Protein backbone atom coordinates (compact mmCIF):
# COMPACT_ATOMS: atom_id res chain seq x y z
CA MET A 1 23.78 34.49 5.08
CA ASN A 2 21.80 31.36 4.29
CA ARG A 3 19.09 30.62 6.85
CA THR A 4 17.64 27.45 5.37
CA THR A 5 16.48 25.05 8.07
CA LEU A 6 15.75 21.37 7.59
CA SER A 7 13.21 19.70 9.89
CA LEU A 8 12.85 15.93 9.87
CA ILE A 9 9.73 14.84 11.75
CA VAL A 10 10.35 11.16 12.35
CA PRO A 11 8.21 9.37 14.96
CA GLY A 12 10.09 6.43 16.41
CA LEU A 13 13.61 7.60 15.57
CA ILE A 14 15.13 9.58 18.47
CA ASP A 15 12.92 8.42 21.34
CA PRO A 16 13.98 5.38 23.42
CA VAL A 17 13.45 2.04 21.68
CA PRO A 18 12.78 -0.45 24.51
CA PHE A 19 13.59 -3.66 22.66
CA LEU A 20 16.79 -2.32 21.08
CA LYS A 21 18.83 -3.54 24.04
CA GLU A 22 17.59 -7.08 23.42
CA LEU A 23 19.72 -7.31 20.27
CA PRO A 24 23.41 -8.25 20.48
CA VAL A 25 25.63 -5.24 19.81
CA GLN A 26 27.40 -7.10 17.01
CA ASP A 27 24.09 -7.36 15.14
CA LEU A 28 23.61 -3.59 15.08
CA PRO A 29 24.85 -1.62 12.05
CA ASP A 30 27.56 0.99 12.07
CA LEU A 31 25.94 4.36 11.37
CA PRO A 32 28.74 6.93 11.63
CA VAL A 33 26.86 10.02 10.43
CA PHE A 34 23.66 9.42 12.40
CA SER A 35 25.83 8.60 15.44
CA SER A 36 27.68 11.91 15.04
CA PHE A 37 24.36 13.79 14.94
CA LEU A 38 23.32 12.13 18.19
CA SER A 39 26.73 12.59 19.81
CA ARG A 40 27.36 16.24 18.97
CA GLY A 41 23.89 17.63 18.43
CA ARG A 42 21.98 19.46 21.14
CA TYR A 43 19.03 17.67 22.68
CA ILE A 44 15.96 19.65 23.69
CA LYS A 45 13.61 17.68 25.90
CA PRO A 46 10.17 18.93 26.96
CA ASP A 47 9.05 19.41 30.54
CA SER A 48 6.38 16.81 29.84
CA TYR A 49 6.23 14.42 26.92
CA ASP A 50 3.26 14.49 24.57
CA HIS A 51 1.92 10.96 24.22
CA SER A 52 -1.55 12.08 23.17
CA ASN A 53 -3.33 10.35 20.31
CA ASN A 54 -2.86 13.21 17.87
CA ASN A 55 0.65 14.27 18.86
CA LEU A 56 1.98 13.96 15.28
CA TYR A 57 -0.73 16.28 13.96
CA THR A 58 -0.31 18.73 16.83
CA CYS A 59 3.41 18.78 16.05
CA LEU A 60 2.61 19.51 12.39
CA LEU A 61 0.31 22.40 13.36
CA LYS A 62 3.29 24.05 15.07
CA GLN A 63 5.57 23.42 12.10
CA PHE A 64 3.13 25.21 9.80
CA SER A 65 2.35 27.98 12.32
CA LEU A 66 -1.34 27.01 12.31
CA GLN A 67 -1.91 26.51 16.03
CA THR A 68 -3.59 29.93 16.36
CA GLN A 69 -6.06 29.08 13.58
CA TYR A 70 -6.93 25.60 14.83
CA SER A 71 -7.18 24.55 18.47
CA GLN A 72 -7.20 20.92 17.29
CA PRO A 73 -5.77 19.44 14.08
CA PRO A 74 -8.55 19.48 11.42
CA ILE A 75 -7.62 15.99 10.26
CA SER A 76 -10.70 14.96 8.30
CA SER A 77 -11.25 18.37 6.73
CA LEU A 78 -7.70 18.59 5.43
CA SER A 79 -7.82 15.01 4.14
CA TYR A 80 -11.09 15.78 2.38
CA LEU A 81 -9.62 18.94 0.87
CA LEU A 82 -6.67 17.04 -0.59
CA ASP A 83 -8.80 14.14 -1.82
CA THR A 84 -11.24 16.44 -3.62
CA LYS A 85 -8.33 18.48 -4.97
CA SER A 86 -6.88 15.32 -6.52
CA LEU A 87 -10.21 14.80 -8.29
CA ASP A 88 -10.23 18.26 -9.82
CA ILE A 89 -10.52 17.31 -13.48
CA LYS A 90 -9.62 20.84 -14.53
CA SER A 91 -6.07 20.22 -13.35
CA LEU A 92 -5.68 16.91 -15.17
CA ASP A 93 -3.89 16.63 -18.47
CA THR A 94 -5.31 14.41 -21.19
CA LYS A 95 -3.21 11.36 -20.37
CA ILE A 96 -4.17 11.39 -16.71
CA LEU A 97 -7.80 12.01 -17.55
CA GLU A 98 -7.88 8.98 -19.82
CA LYS A 99 -6.75 6.80 -16.91
CA LYS A 100 -9.27 8.19 -14.43
CA ASN A 101 -12.34 6.12 -13.71
CA SER A 102 -15.60 7.88 -14.57
CA ALA A 103 -16.74 7.43 -10.96
CA GLU A 104 -13.92 9.71 -9.84
CA CYS A 105 -15.06 12.49 -12.17
CA GLU A 106 -18.62 12.19 -10.85
CA LEU A 107 -17.28 12.55 -7.32
CA ASN A 108 -15.55 15.78 -8.22
CA GLU A 109 -18.87 17.47 -9.00
CA GLN A 110 -20.91 15.71 -6.34
CA PHE A 111 -18.70 16.36 -3.30
CA SER A 112 -17.29 19.82 -3.79
CA PRO A 113 -15.91 21.35 -0.56
CA LYS A 114 -18.66 23.98 -0.71
CA GLU A 115 -21.13 21.23 0.27
CA LEU A 116 -19.44 20.87 3.67
CA LYS A 117 -20.25 24.23 5.18
CA HIS A 118 -21.68 23.78 8.69
CA LYS A 119 -20.99 20.03 8.59
CA TRP A 120 -18.87 17.77 10.80
CA LEU A 121 -16.50 15.24 9.30
CA MET A 122 -14.89 12.00 10.45
CA ARG A 123 -12.53 9.65 8.63
CA VAL A 124 -13.94 6.14 8.16
CA ASP A 125 -10.91 4.24 6.88
CA PRO A 126 -11.45 0.75 5.46
CA CYS A 127 -9.24 -1.78 7.19
CA PHE A 128 -8.55 -5.42 7.90
CA MET A 129 -8.92 -6.78 11.43
CA ALA A 130 -7.15 -10.01 12.32
CA ALA A 131 -8.17 -12.40 15.09
CA ASP A 132 -5.48 -13.16 17.66
CA ARG A 133 -6.73 -15.70 20.17
CA ASP A 134 -9.49 -13.89 22.07
CA GLN A 135 -8.96 -10.42 20.62
CA LEU A 136 -9.04 -8.43 17.40
CA LEU A 137 -6.00 -6.59 16.08
CA LEU A 138 -5.92 -3.75 13.59
CA ALA A 139 -3.74 -5.50 11.01
CA GLN A 140 -3.88 -3.17 8.00
CA THR A 141 -5.21 0.18 6.86
CA GLY A 142 -4.51 1.54 3.42
CA ASN A 143 -3.08 -0.29 0.41
CA LEU A 144 -5.89 -2.85 0.48
CA ASP A 145 -6.21 -2.77 -3.32
CA ILE A 146 -9.78 -1.48 -3.23
CA SER A 147 -11.13 -0.40 -6.62
CA TRP A 148 -13.34 2.62 -7.13
CA GLN A 149 -16.20 0.34 -8.10
CA GLU A 150 -15.83 -1.67 -4.88
CA ALA A 151 -15.65 1.44 -2.72
CA LYS A 152 -18.71 3.00 -4.36
CA GLN A 153 -20.60 -0.28 -3.99
CA ILE A 154 -20.09 -0.44 -0.23
CA GLU A 155 -20.89 3.27 0.10
CA GLN A 156 -24.22 2.63 -1.60
CA GLU A 157 -24.96 -0.46 0.52
CA ILE A 158 -24.31 1.37 3.79
CA ASN A 159 -26.21 4.54 2.90
CA GLN A 160 -29.21 2.59 1.60
CA PHE A 161 -29.30 0.42 4.72
CA TYR A 162 -29.39 3.38 7.11
CA SER A 163 -31.77 5.50 5.02
CA GLN A 164 -34.30 2.65 5.19
CA LEU A 165 -33.60 1.93 8.85
CA ASP A 166 -33.79 5.42 10.31
CA ASP A 167 -35.67 8.43 8.93
CA ASP A 168 -33.74 10.66 11.32
CA ASN A 169 -30.31 9.52 10.19
CA PHE A 170 -28.05 12.58 10.43
CA TRP A 171 -24.99 11.42 8.55
CA THR A 172 -23.93 10.18 5.10
CA LEU A 173 -20.97 8.04 4.09
CA LYS A 174 -18.92 9.57 1.27
CA VAL A 175 -16.19 7.76 -0.63
CA ILE A 176 -13.71 10.29 -2.01
CA SER A 177 -10.76 7.91 -2.20
CA PRO A 178 -10.81 4.09 -2.21
CA ASP A 179 -8.59 4.09 0.89
CA ARG A 180 -10.20 7.06 2.70
CA TRP A 181 -13.92 7.21 3.35
CA TYR A 182 -15.70 10.04 5.15
CA LEU A 183 -18.71 10.36 7.37
CA ILE A 184 -20.41 13.73 6.82
CA SER A 185 -22.60 14.62 9.79
CA ASP A 186 -25.23 17.28 10.43
CA LYS A 187 -24.43 17.09 14.16
CA PRO A 188 -21.20 17.45 16.17
CA ILE A 189 -19.26 14.22 16.72
CA ALA A 190 -18.33 14.40 20.40
CA ILE A 191 -16.12 11.35 20.87
CA GLU A 192 -12.42 10.67 21.37
CA THR A 193 -10.70 8.70 18.64
CA THR A 194 -7.20 7.44 17.89
CA PRO A 195 -5.30 7.65 14.59
CA PRO A 196 -4.94 4.19 13.01
CA GLU A 197 -1.14 4.37 13.02
CA LYS A 198 -1.31 4.37 16.84
CA VAL A 199 -3.52 1.26 16.84
CA LEU A 200 -1.77 -0.73 14.13
CA GLY A 201 -0.83 -4.17 15.41
CA GLN A 202 -2.61 -3.53 18.71
CA SER A 203 -5.71 -4.99 20.31
CA LEU A 204 -8.81 -2.87 19.78
CA LYS A 205 -9.90 -3.09 23.42
CA SER A 206 -7.93 -0.07 24.57
CA TYR A 207 -8.87 2.13 21.63
CA LEU A 208 -12.60 1.69 21.06
CA PHE A 209 -15.12 4.15 22.44
CA SER A 210 -15.73 3.72 26.15
CA ALA A 211 -19.54 3.34 25.93
CA ASN A 212 -19.79 5.43 29.09
CA THR A 213 -22.05 8.00 27.43
CA GLU A 214 -24.97 7.83 25.04
CA GLU A 215 -22.79 9.43 22.36
CA ASP A 216 -20.07 6.80 22.82
CA ARG A 217 -22.60 3.99 22.70
CA TYR A 218 -24.10 5.30 19.47
CA TRP A 219 -20.77 5.33 17.66
CA LEU A 220 -19.67 2.01 19.13
CA ASN A 221 -22.89 0.41 17.88
CA LEU A 222 -22.36 2.00 14.48
CA PHE A 223 -18.81 0.65 14.36
CA ASN A 224 -20.12 -2.87 15.05
CA GLU A 225 -22.94 -2.51 12.52
CA PHE A 226 -20.50 -1.41 9.81
CA GLN A 227 -18.53 -4.60 10.47
CA MET A 228 -21.65 -6.73 10.03
CA ILE A 229 -22.61 -4.97 6.79
CA LEU A 230 -19.11 -5.44 5.42
CA HIS A 231 -19.10 -9.12 6.40
CA GLN A 232 -22.34 -9.76 4.49
CA SER A 233 -21.65 -7.52 1.51
CA GLN A 234 -21.21 -8.68 -2.08
CA PHE A 235 -18.17 -6.43 -2.06
CA ASN A 236 -16.28 -8.79 0.25
CA LYS A 237 -17.76 -11.92 -1.31
CA HIS A 238 -16.13 -10.98 -4.61
CA ARG A 239 -12.86 -10.11 -2.87
CA ARG A 240 -12.71 -13.53 -1.22
CA GLU A 241 -13.49 -15.23 -4.54
CA ASN A 242 -10.55 -13.34 -6.07
CA ASN A 243 -8.22 -14.24 -3.18
CA LYS A 244 -8.09 -10.67 -1.91
CA ARG A 245 -7.88 -9.79 1.76
CA PRO A 246 -11.39 -8.83 2.93
CA VAL A 247 -12.18 -5.34 4.11
CA ASN A 248 -13.86 -6.54 7.28
CA SER A 249 -13.98 -3.33 9.29
CA VAL A 250 -13.51 0.42 9.30
CA TRP A 251 -11.69 2.74 11.66
CA PHE A 252 -13.37 5.92 12.91
CA TRP A 253 -10.96 8.76 13.62
CA GLY A 254 -10.01 12.39 13.02
CA GLN A 255 -13.42 13.94 13.67
CA ASP A 256 -13.63 17.73 13.34
CA ASN A 257 -15.71 20.65 12.15
CA SER A 258 -15.25 21.39 8.49
CA ILE A 259 -12.92 24.32 7.96
CA ASP A 260 -13.60 26.87 5.25
CA LEU A 261 -12.19 24.67 2.53
CA LEU A 262 -12.84 27.24 -0.18
CA ASN A 263 -10.67 29.85 1.50
CA PRO A 264 -7.23 28.48 2.41
CA LEU A 265 -5.17 30.63 4.74
CA SER A 266 -2.98 32.06 2.00
CA ASP A 267 -3.44 35.56 3.41
CA LYS A 268 -1.95 34.31 6.70
CA LYS A 269 1.05 32.66 5.10
CA ASP A 270 4.33 33.01 6.95
CA THR A 271 6.25 35.13 4.44
CA SER A 272 9.52 35.08 6.39
CA CYS A 273 10.68 32.11 4.32
CA ASP A 274 9.54 29.64 1.70
CA ARG A 275 8.21 26.41 3.16
CA VAL A 276 8.52 23.09 1.33
CA LEU A 277 7.09 19.80 2.59
CA TYR A 278 8.02 16.25 1.61
CA SER A 279 5.46 13.85 3.03
CA ASN A 280 3.17 10.99 2.04
CA ASN A 281 0.82 11.93 4.90
CA ILE A 282 -2.29 13.54 3.44
CA VAL A 283 -2.99 15.58 6.59
CA ALA A 284 0.51 17.07 6.49
CA GLN A 285 -0.01 17.87 2.81
CA GLY A 286 -3.28 19.59 3.69
CA MET A 287 -1.58 21.76 6.30
CA SER A 288 1.03 22.75 3.74
CA LEU A 289 -1.69 23.66 1.26
CA VAL A 290 -3.76 25.86 3.59
CA SER A 291 -0.63 27.62 4.86
CA GLY A 292 0.39 28.51 1.32
CA GLY A 293 3.36 26.14 1.05
CA ASN A 294 4.42 23.58 -1.53
CA TYR A 295 4.32 19.84 -0.93
CA PHE A 296 5.68 16.73 -2.61
CA GLN A 297 5.80 12.99 -2.01
CA VAL A 298 8.77 11.73 0.01
CA PRO A 299 11.62 10.91 -2.39
CA ASP A 300 13.81 7.83 -2.05
CA HIS A 301 16.67 10.01 -0.86
CA TYR A 302 17.28 13.47 0.56
CA LEU A 303 17.21 16.22 -2.06
CA SER A 304 20.16 18.53 -1.59
CA VAL A 305 19.36 22.23 -1.28
CA ALA A 306 20.06 23.78 -4.66
CA ASN A 307 19.43 27.47 -4.07
CA GLU A 308 20.87 29.64 -1.35
CA VAL A 309 17.56 31.18 -0.28
CA ASP A 310 15.80 31.27 3.05
CA GLN A 311 13.72 28.11 3.19
CA LYS A 312 12.08 25.89 5.75
CA ILE A 313 12.23 22.34 4.43
CA ILE A 314 10.16 19.70 6.22
CA TYR A 315 10.26 15.94 5.78
CA VAL A 316 7.73 13.67 7.50
CA LEU A 317 8.97 10.07 7.68
CA ASP A 318 6.59 7.69 9.44
CA ASP A 319 7.94 4.25 8.53
CA PHE A 320 9.98 3.98 11.75
CA PHE A 321 6.93 4.35 13.97
CA ARG A 322 5.00 1.80 11.93
CA ALA A 323 7.80 -0.73 12.40
CA LEU A 324 7.86 -0.11 16.15
CA GLN A 325 4.08 -0.50 16.38
CA ASN A 326 4.41 -3.88 14.68
CA LYS A 327 7.29 -4.74 17.07
CA ASP A 328 9.39 -5.40 13.99
CA ILE A 329 12.89 -4.47 15.14
CA PHE A 330 14.54 -5.89 12.03
CA THR A 331 12.50 -3.67 9.72
CA TRP A 332 13.33 -0.74 12.01
CA ILE A 333 17.06 -1.55 11.74
CA GLY A 334 16.73 -1.82 7.95
CA LEU A 335 15.09 1.60 7.84
CA LEU A 336 17.97 3.01 9.88
CA LYS A 337 20.47 1.70 7.34
CA GLN A 338 18.51 3.34 4.52
CA PHE A 339 18.25 6.57 6.51
CA GLU A 340 22.03 6.66 7.00
CA LYS A 341 22.71 5.96 3.33
CA ASN A 342 19.99 8.00 1.64
CA PHE A 343 19.61 10.94 4.03
CA CYS A 344 22.28 11.41 6.70
CA GLN A 345 25.40 11.66 4.55
CA ALA A 346 23.87 14.13 2.09
CA ILE A 347 22.42 16.21 4.93
CA TYR A 348 25.83 16.26 6.61
CA ASN A 349 27.36 17.55 3.37
CA ASP A 350 24.77 20.34 3.11
CA ILE A 351 25.44 21.37 6.70
CA GLU A 352 29.19 21.46 6.14
CA SER A 353 28.84 23.42 2.89
CA GLY A 354 26.55 25.97 4.52
CA LYS A 355 23.50 25.16 2.41
CA ILE A 356 21.65 24.26 5.61
CA SER A 357 22.03 26.45 8.67
CA GLN A 358 20.29 24.03 11.03
CA LEU A 359 18.96 20.49 11.09
CA GLU A 360 16.14 19.58 13.46
CA LEU A 361 15.31 15.95 14.16
CA ILE A 362 11.87 16.08 15.76
CA SER A 363 9.76 13.53 17.59
CA PRO A 364 6.03 14.27 18.10
CA THR A 365 6.55 13.46 21.79
CA GLY A 366 8.40 16.77 22.11
CA THR A 367 12.01 15.59 21.89
CA LYS A 368 14.14 17.55 19.45
CA LEU A 369 17.76 17.22 18.32
CA ILE A 370 19.45 20.32 16.88
CA VAL A 371 22.47 19.89 14.59
CA THR A 372 24.53 22.76 13.15
CA LYS A 373 27.96 23.10 11.59
CA LYS A 374 29.26 24.63 14.81
CA LEU A 375 27.86 21.80 16.94
CA LEU A 376 29.34 19.14 14.67
CA ARG A 377 32.79 20.65 15.25
CA ARG A 378 32.68 20.03 18.99
CA TRP A 379 35.57 17.60 18.63
CA TRP A 380 35.80 17.09 22.38
CA ARG A 381 32.45 15.29 22.32
CA LYS A 382 33.44 11.78 21.39
CA ASN A 383 31.26 10.05 18.81
CA LYS A 384 29.30 7.26 20.44
CA LYS A 385 27.32 4.47 18.83
CA PHE A 386 23.75 5.44 18.00
CA TYR A 387 22.16 2.73 20.13
CA LEU A 388 23.64 4.19 23.32
CA PHE A 389 21.31 7.18 22.92
CA LEU A 390 18.16 5.20 22.16
CA GLN A 391 18.04 2.62 24.96
C-alpha cells in the first residue's frame, strides 16, 4: 500500500483573508478543485494559533522532525551552511566554475563552517527602506541586483570602520552571498528579531528592538549606524549613478548559536520514508540537508509522483503571504489561479489514482487541512466556493 504523503506549507492560503470580502463575488475566480479540497477535506485547528515571529520556521522544524535537536530554529546557521555549500568549488563542473567570480572562490576557503565553532550568528540582509510620510517601510529584501564586488566593498567598509572605532569589537560582518550577509559574533546575541517577510511593507516602528535593555540599545544603535555607513558609501553612490535602487539599510534577524555545521544529523535521519523538499527558502533547504533529505527549487507546477514508494513530499510556497503583507489582493488572486491550474488538478489526479495517500495543506499558524481519496468522496458535503472558507 502506497503511503506517500504530500505536505504543502503555504502561509496565507487557508487562514482567513480579511480583505477578501471587500471584493465583489463576480470578480472572484472559479476554482473547482481547490474549492473541493476546502469543502470535503478535514480541518484541524489548534487550541491556540501560533502568530509568533518564527512560526514558519518552527513549523518546518516539526516537518523535518528536528524539534528535539533544536529548541529554536537555527536560521542563520542553516542559511550559512547552504551558502557556503553553494561555494564549494569541488562540486562545481567546469562550465559553472568559469562563470563564478573569483571573490566567491576566495570566500569558500576563508569562511569554512569549521571557523564558526563557538560563535553566534545573525543574518544581516541588505534591503531597501522607503519613506512613507513620517515613517519608514521595509520595501524590499533580496533581488536587489547586488554584485559580488559591491557586497565585498561594503563588507570591507563596515569592518574597517568598526575595527578603527572600537578595539573591543566582538563581531565581524561576513558576505557569503550578495543577498545574505552575516554577523559573526564572539558573544551571545540576546535580542528578539523578526523575519523580514513578516515586516515587508510594514512600518519599522513595531519591529525594531525595544531599547529597554543595554543589549537592545547596542543593536539598535548598530542598526542606525549601518544605515549611515550605507548612505555615505561609494557602493550606493555608484548604484545611484547607474539608476539602481540604493541598498539603504540592513535587516537584523535569525540570530542563533552556530550548530555543528560539519556534522549534519544524517545519523538521526527519519528512515521510515524518503523525504523530498521543494522550496526556494534557504532555511527550509538547510533543514532538509541536516536531516538527510533531498531538496530542490520550487518548480512551476506540481511534479506528479512517479514511483510507488513511501515518501514524504514537502512544498513550501511563500508567495501568498508576501502578497498579503503587501496588501495586494489582486496578486493574491492571481496566485490562486496559478495554484489551481498548476498544482490542484494534478494533485487531485494523484490522490484519485492512489499515488498520494494524503494531502496536507498547512499554515504556520497551526491550521491544517487534510485531504484523502476517502474524504473527497463524501458526496453529501456540497462543494462550496473557496472564498466562503477564507472570510
